[in-house]
Protein backbone atom coordinates (compact mmCIF):
# COMPACT_ATOMS: atom_id res chain seq x y z
CA MET A 1 -60.95 47.59 -8.15
CA GLU A 2 -60.52 46.99 -4.45
CA GLN A 3 -61.85 43.48 -4.94
CA ASN A 4 -59.13 42.80 -7.58
CA GLN A 5 -56.42 44.02 -5.22
CA ILE A 6 -57.64 41.76 -2.46
CA GLU A 7 -57.68 38.78 -4.87
CA MET A 8 -54.19 39.67 -6.19
CA SER A 9 -52.92 40.11 -2.64
CA SER A 10 -54.26 36.72 -1.59
CA LEU A 11 -52.69 35.10 -4.69
CA VAL A 12 -49.28 36.76 -4.25
CA GLN A 13 -48.87 35.96 -0.54
CA PRO A 14 -49.17 32.16 -0.91
CA ASN A 15 -46.84 32.30 -3.90
CA ALA A 16 -44.36 34.41 -1.97
CA LYS A 17 -44.58 31.97 0.93
CA GLY A 18 -43.97 29.04 -1.42
CA VAL A 19 -41.00 30.79 -3.00
CA GLU A 20 -39.61 31.61 0.43
CA GLU A 21 -39.98 28.00 1.56
CA GLY A 22 -38.37 26.80 -1.66
CA LEU A 23 -35.46 29.19 -1.21
CA GLN A 24 -35.10 28.09 2.40
CA ALA A 25 -35.01 24.43 1.34
CA LEU A 26 -32.50 25.26 -1.40
CA TRP A 27 -30.35 27.17 1.09
CA GLU A 28 -30.42 24.23 3.53
CA THR A 29 -29.48 21.78 0.76
CA ALA A 30 -26.60 24.01 -0.33
CA ARG A 31 -25.39 24.31 3.29
CA ARG A 32 -25.43 20.52 3.77
CA ALA A 33 -23.65 20.04 0.44
CA THR A 34 -20.98 22.58 1.48
CA GLU A 35 -20.44 20.77 4.79
CA GLU A 36 -20.19 17.42 3.01
CA ILE A 37 -17.71 18.82 0.48
CA ALA A 38 -15.58 20.22 3.33
CA ARG A 39 -15.68 16.87 5.14
CA LEU A 40 -14.72 15.00 1.99
CA ARG A 41 -11.82 17.40 1.35
CA ARG A 42 -10.52 16.83 4.89
CA GLU A 43 -10.84 13.08 4.42
CA LYS A 44 -9.06 13.31 1.07
CA GLY A 45 -6.19 15.19 2.72
CA ILE A 46 -5.89 12.52 5.41
CA LEU A 47 -5.95 9.74 2.82
CA GLU A 48 -3.36 11.48 0.64
CA SER A 49 -1.10 11.88 3.66
CA ARG A 50 -1.52 8.21 4.56
CA LEU A 51 -0.83 7.21 0.95
CA GLU A 52 2.37 9.25 0.99
CA GLN A 53 3.47 7.53 4.20
CA LEU A 54 2.74 4.09 2.77
CA GLU A 55 4.55 4.85 -0.48
CA GLY A 56 7.57 5.96 1.56
CA LYS A 57 7.43 2.75 3.56
CA VAL A 58 7.20 0.67 0.37
CA LEU A 59 10.25 2.49 -1.01
CA GLU A 60 12.19 1.82 2.22
CA MET A 61 11.22 -1.86 2.12
CA ARG A 62 12.27 -2.16 -1.54
CA GLN A 63 15.64 -0.61 -0.74
CA GLU A 64 16.08 -2.95 2.22
CA LEU A 65 15.13 -5.92 0.05
CA ALA A 66 17.64 -4.84 -2.62
CA LYS A 67 20.38 -4.66 0.04
CA LYS A 68 19.48 -8.11 1.35
CA ASP A 69 19.43 -9.50 -2.18
CA GLU A 70 22.90 -8.07 -2.73
CA VAL A 71 24.18 -9.62 0.52
CA LEU A 72 22.64 -12.96 -0.46
CA ARG A 73 24.22 -12.77 -3.92
CA ARG A 74 27.66 -12.06 -2.41
CA MET A 75 27.26 -14.90 0.08
CA ASN A 76 26.34 -17.29 -2.72
CA GLU A 77 29.42 -16.17 -4.66
CA GLN A 78 31.62 -16.70 -1.60
CA GLN A 79 30.10 -20.13 -1.01
CA ALA A 80 30.75 -21.08 -4.63
CA LYS A 81 34.38 -19.95 -4.30
CA LEU A 82 34.80 -21.93 -1.06
CA GLU A 83 33.35 -25.04 -2.65
CA GLU A 84 35.63 -24.58 -5.64
CA MET A 85 38.66 -24.24 -3.34
CA GLN A 86 37.64 -27.37 -1.40
CA GLY A 87 37.63 -29.41 -4.59
CA GLY A 88 33.90 -29.66 -5.00
CA ILE A 89 33.16 -31.12 -1.57
CA HIS A 90 29.83 -29.72 -0.47
CA VAL A 91 29.32 -29.61 3.26
CA ASN A 92 25.70 -28.95 4.00
CA GLY A 93 25.99 -29.57 7.69
CA ASP A 94 24.59 -33.10 7.28
CA GLN A 95 26.90 -35.52 9.04
CA HIS A 96 25.73 -38.50 6.97
CA VAL A 97 26.55 -36.77 3.70
CA LEU A 98 29.97 -35.75 4.98
CA SER A 99 30.61 -39.25 6.25
CA ALA A 100 29.69 -40.73 2.88
CA LYS A 101 32.04 -38.32 1.10
CA VAL A 102 34.91 -39.25 3.46
CA LYS A 103 34.27 -42.97 2.92
CA GLU A 104 34.20 -42.41 -0.83
CA LEU A 105 37.54 -40.57 -0.69
CA LEU A 106 39.08 -43.32 1.48
CA ALA A 107 37.89 -45.94 -1.00
CA LYS A 108 39.53 -44.03 -3.89
CA ILE A 109 42.79 -43.74 -1.92
CA ASP A 110 42.72 -47.47 -1.15
CA ALA A 111 42.17 -48.21 -4.83
CA TYR A 112 45.33 -46.29 -5.75
CA LEU A 113 47.43 -48.10 -3.14
């Protein structure tokens, strides 16, 4: 009987050691996974915050663009009204174009006289 106990004892100890090592490895893997999950959650928080900032900036830029579009539309309307009041003469700041228009008008006046 004593012989059986010695054999059982020698069989159980290596198994217990293997189980202990396996549990230790499992514990270490779980610890590393927990640390990685915590790191990823922190990173996610940072990225969500950055995304919120960027979305706010996009909204501001869209509002600014809408304002500028409105100003441009009003300026185009005012320019069209000015051109209409001037009788269709378009002055683009080009002296040659303006000079040609004046010569054309003078020629029409001469033709009437």
